[in-house]
Amino acid sequence: MRLKFIGVALLCTYFMMNIVFTQFMVHQYYYENYVNVLIFGGLNIVVFPLALFTYKKTKNEKA
């Protein structure tokens, strides 16, 4: 498998993780579990730089 496809797969994975973490965060906020809201919000913040780093690395690869 080419490296560019691996980068795209990683970006899709990070995007899915952001969606799932956001959904859990909203769900926990609704049930007033604020510690879990902070945990999932922190996980969203951690995943974003990983996606940005992967995007920059994948963008510079030759096709």
N, C-alpha and C. Protein backbone atom coordinates (compact mmCIF):
# COMPACT_ATOMS: atom_id res chain seq x y z
N MET A 1 0.85 -1.18 0.00
CA MET A 1 0.00 0.00 0.00
C MET A 1 0.89 1.24 0.00
N ARG A 2 0.53 2.22 -0.80
CA ARG A 2 1.33 3.43 -0.88
C ARG A 2 1.15 4.25 0.39
N LEU A 3 2.17 5.06 0.69
CA LEU A 3 2.14 5.85 1.92
C LEU A 3 1.02 6.88 1.91
N LYS A 4 0.67 7.41 0.74
CA LYS A 4 -0.39 8.41 0.70
C LYS A 4 -1.73 7.82 1.13
N PHE A 5 -1.99 6.56 0.77
CA PHE A 5 -3.23 5.92 1.17
C PHE A 5 -3.27 5.66 2.67
N ILE A 6 -2.12 5.37 3.24
CA ILE A 6 -2.05 5.17 4.69
C ILE A 6 -2.37 6.49 5.40
N GLY A 7 -1.84 7.59 4.87
CA GLY A 7 -2.12 8.90 5.46
C GLY A 7 -3.59 9.25 5.39
N VAL A 8 -4.22 8.95 4.26
CA VAL A 8 -5.65 9.23 4.12
C VAL A 8 -6.45 8.35 5.08
N ALA A 9 -6.06 7.10 5.23
CA ALA A 9 -6.74 6.21 6.17
C ALA A 9 -6.59 6.72 7.60
N LEU A 10 -5.41 7.21 7.95
CA LEU A 10 -5.21 7.78 9.29
C LEU A 10 -6.07 9.03 9.49
N LEU A 11 -6.15 9.87 8.48
CA LEU A 11 -6.99 11.07 8.60
C LEU A 11 -8.46 10.70 8.78
N CYS A 12 -8.91 9.68 8.05
CA CYS A 12 -10.29 9.22 8.22
C CYS A 12 -10.52 8.68 9.64
N THR A 13 -9.53 7.97 10.15
CA THR A 13 -9.62 7.44 11.51
C THR A 13 -9.69 8.56 12.54
N TYR A 14 -8.83 9.57 12.38
CA TYR A 14 -8.85 10.70 13.32
C TYR A 14 -10.18 11.45 13.25
N PHE A 15 -10.71 11.61 12.04
CA PHE A 15 -12.00 12.30 11.89
C PHE A 15 -13.11 11.50 12.57
N MET A 16 -13.09 10.19 12.41
CA MET A 16 -14.10 9.35 13.07
C MET A 16 -13.96 9.42 14.59
N MET A 17 -12.72 9.43 15.08
CA MET A 17 -12.51 9.55 16.52
C MET A 17 -13.05 10.88 17.04
N ASN A 18 -12.85 11.97 16.29
CA ASN A 18 -13.39 13.27 16.70
C ASN A 18 -14.90 13.25 16.76
N ILE A 19 -15.54 12.61 15.79
CA ILE A 19 -17.00 12.52 15.79
C ILE A 19 -17.48 11.72 17.00
N VAL A 20 -16.84 10.59 17.26
CA VAL A 20 -17.25 9.74 18.38
C VAL A 20 -17.03 10.45 19.71
N PHE A 21 -15.87 11.09 19.88
CA PHE A 21 -15.59 11.80 21.14
C PHE A 21 -16.57 12.95 21.35
N THR A 22 -16.91 13.65 20.27
CA THR A 22 -17.87 14.75 20.40
C THR A 22 -19.25 14.22 20.78
N GLN A 23 -19.64 13.11 20.17
CA GLN A 23 -20.94 12.52 20.50
C GLN A 23 -20.98 12.08 21.97
N PHE A 24 -19.91 11.43 22.44
CA PHE A 24 -19.85 11.03 23.85
C PHE A 24 -19.87 12.26 24.76
N MET A 25 -19.19 13.33 24.35
CA MET A 25 -19.14 14.53 25.16
C MET A 25 -20.54 15.15 25.31
N VAL A 26 -21.28 15.24 24.21
CA VAL A 26 -22.63 15.79 24.26
C VAL A 26 -23.54 14.89 25.09
N HIS A 27 -23.38 13.59 24.92
CA HIS A 27 -24.20 12.64 25.67
C HIS A 27 -23.94 12.76 27.18
N GLN A 28 -22.69 12.85 27.56
CA GLN A 28 -22.35 12.96 28.97
C GLN A 28 -22.76 14.31 29.54
N TYR A 29 -22.71 15.36 28.74
CA TYR A 29 -23.16 16.67 29.19
C TYR A 29 -24.66 16.64 29.48
N TYR A 30 -25.41 15.96 28.63
CA TYR A 30 -26.84 15.84 28.83
C TYR A 30 -27.16 15.17 30.16
N TYR A 31 -26.38 14.15 30.53
CA TYR A 31 -26.60 13.44 31.79
C TYR A 31 -25.79 14.02 32.95
N GLU A 32 -25.20 15.20 32.74
CA GLU A 32 -24.50 15.97 33.77
C GLU A 32 -23.31 15.24 34.39
N ASN A 33 -22.59 14.47 33.58
CA ASN A 33 -21.34 13.85 34.00
C ASN A 33 -20.20 14.74 33.49
N TYR A 34 -19.93 15.81 34.23
CA TYR A 34 -19.03 16.84 33.73
C TYR A 34 -17.58 16.40 33.68
N VAL A 35 -17.18 15.46 34.52
CA VAL A 35 -15.81 14.95 34.47
C VAL A 35 -15.59 14.23 33.14
N ASN A 36 -16.56 13.43 32.72
CA ASN A 36 -16.45 12.73 31.43
C ASN A 36 -16.48 13.72 30.27
N VAL A 37 -17.22 14.81 30.41
CA VAL A 37 -17.24 15.84 29.37
C VAL A 37 -15.84 16.42 29.19
N LEU A 38 -15.17 16.70 30.30
CA LEU A 38 -13.81 17.24 30.23
C LEU A 38 -12.83 16.22 29.64
N ILE A 39 -13.01 14.95 29.97
CA ILE A 39 -12.13 13.90 29.43
C ILE A 39 -12.29 13.81 27.91
N PHE A 40 -13.52 13.74 27.43
CA PHE A 40 -13.73 13.60 25.99
C PHE A 40 -13.38 14.89 25.25
N GLY A 41 -13.59 16.04 25.88
CA GLY A 41 -13.14 17.30 25.28
C GLY A 41 -11.62 17.35 25.15
N GLY A 42 -10.93 16.85 26.18
CA GLY A 42 -9.47 16.78 26.12
C GLY A 42 -8.99 15.82 25.05
N LEU A 43 -9.69 14.70 24.89
CA LEU A 43 -9.32 13.77 23.83
C LEU A 43 -9.51 14.38 22.45
N ASN A 44 -10.56 15.18 22.28
CA ASN A 44 -10.75 15.90 21.02
C ASN A 44 -9.59 16.84 20.75
N ILE A 45 -9.14 17.53 21.79
CA ILE A 45 -8.03 18.48 21.65
C ILE A 45 -6.72 17.74 21.34
N VAL A 46 -6.55 16.54 21.86
CA VAL A 46 -5.33 15.77 21.61
C VAL A 46 -5.31 15.20 20.19
N VAL A 47 -6.46 14.77 19.69
CA VAL A 47 -6.51 14.14 18.37
C VAL A 47 -6.29 15.17 17.25
N PHE A 48 -6.70 16.42 17.46
CA PHE A 48 -6.58 17.42 16.40
C PHE A 48 -5.14 17.65 15.95
N PRO A 49 -4.16 17.84 16.85
CA PRO A 49 -2.78 18.02 16.36
C PRO A 49 -2.24 16.78 15.64
N LEU A 50 -2.68 15.59 16.04
CA LEU A 50 -2.27 14.38 15.33
C LEU A 50 -2.77 14.42 13.89
N ALA A 51 -4.00 14.82 13.70
CA ALA A 51 -4.55 14.91 12.35
C ALA A 51 -3.83 16.00 11.55
N LEU A 52 -3.53 17.11 12.16
CA LEU A 52 -2.84 18.19 11.47
C LEU A 52 -1.44 17.75 11.05
N PHE A 53 -0.73 17.08 11.94
CA PHE A 53 0.61 16.57 11.62
C PHE A 53 0.54 15.55 10.48
N THR A 54 -0.43 14.65 10.51
CA THR A 54 -0.58 13.65 9.46
C THR A 54 -0.92 14.30 8.14
N TYR A 55 -1.78 15.32 8.17
CA TYR A 55 -2.14 16.03 6.95
C TYR A 55 -0.93 16.69 6.32
N LYS A 56 -0.14 17.39 7.12
CA LYS A 56 1.04 18.07 6.59
C LYS A 56 2.05 17.07 6.03
N LYS A 57 2.21 15.96 6.70
CA LYS A 57 3.16 14.94 6.24
C LYS A 57 2.66 14.29 4.95
N THR A 58 1.37 14.02 4.86
CA THR A 58 0.80 13.38 3.68
C THR A 58 0.77 14.33 2.49
N LYS A 59 0.56 15.61 2.74
CA LYS A 59 0.47 16.60 1.66
C LYS A 59 1.80 16.72 0.92
N ASN A 60 2.92 16.56 1.61
CA ASN A 60 4.23 16.74 1.00
C ASN A 60 4.76 15.49 0.29
N GLU A 61 4.05 14.36 0.41
CA GLU A 61 4.50 13.14 -0.26
C GLU A 61 4.18 13.20 -1.74
N LYS A 62 5.01 12.53 -2.52
CA LYS A 62 4.75 12.45 -3.96
C LYS A 62 3.70 11.38 -4.22
N ALA A 63 2.87 11.59 -5.20
CA ALA A 63 1.78 10.64 -5.52
C ALA A 63 2.30 9.40 -6.20
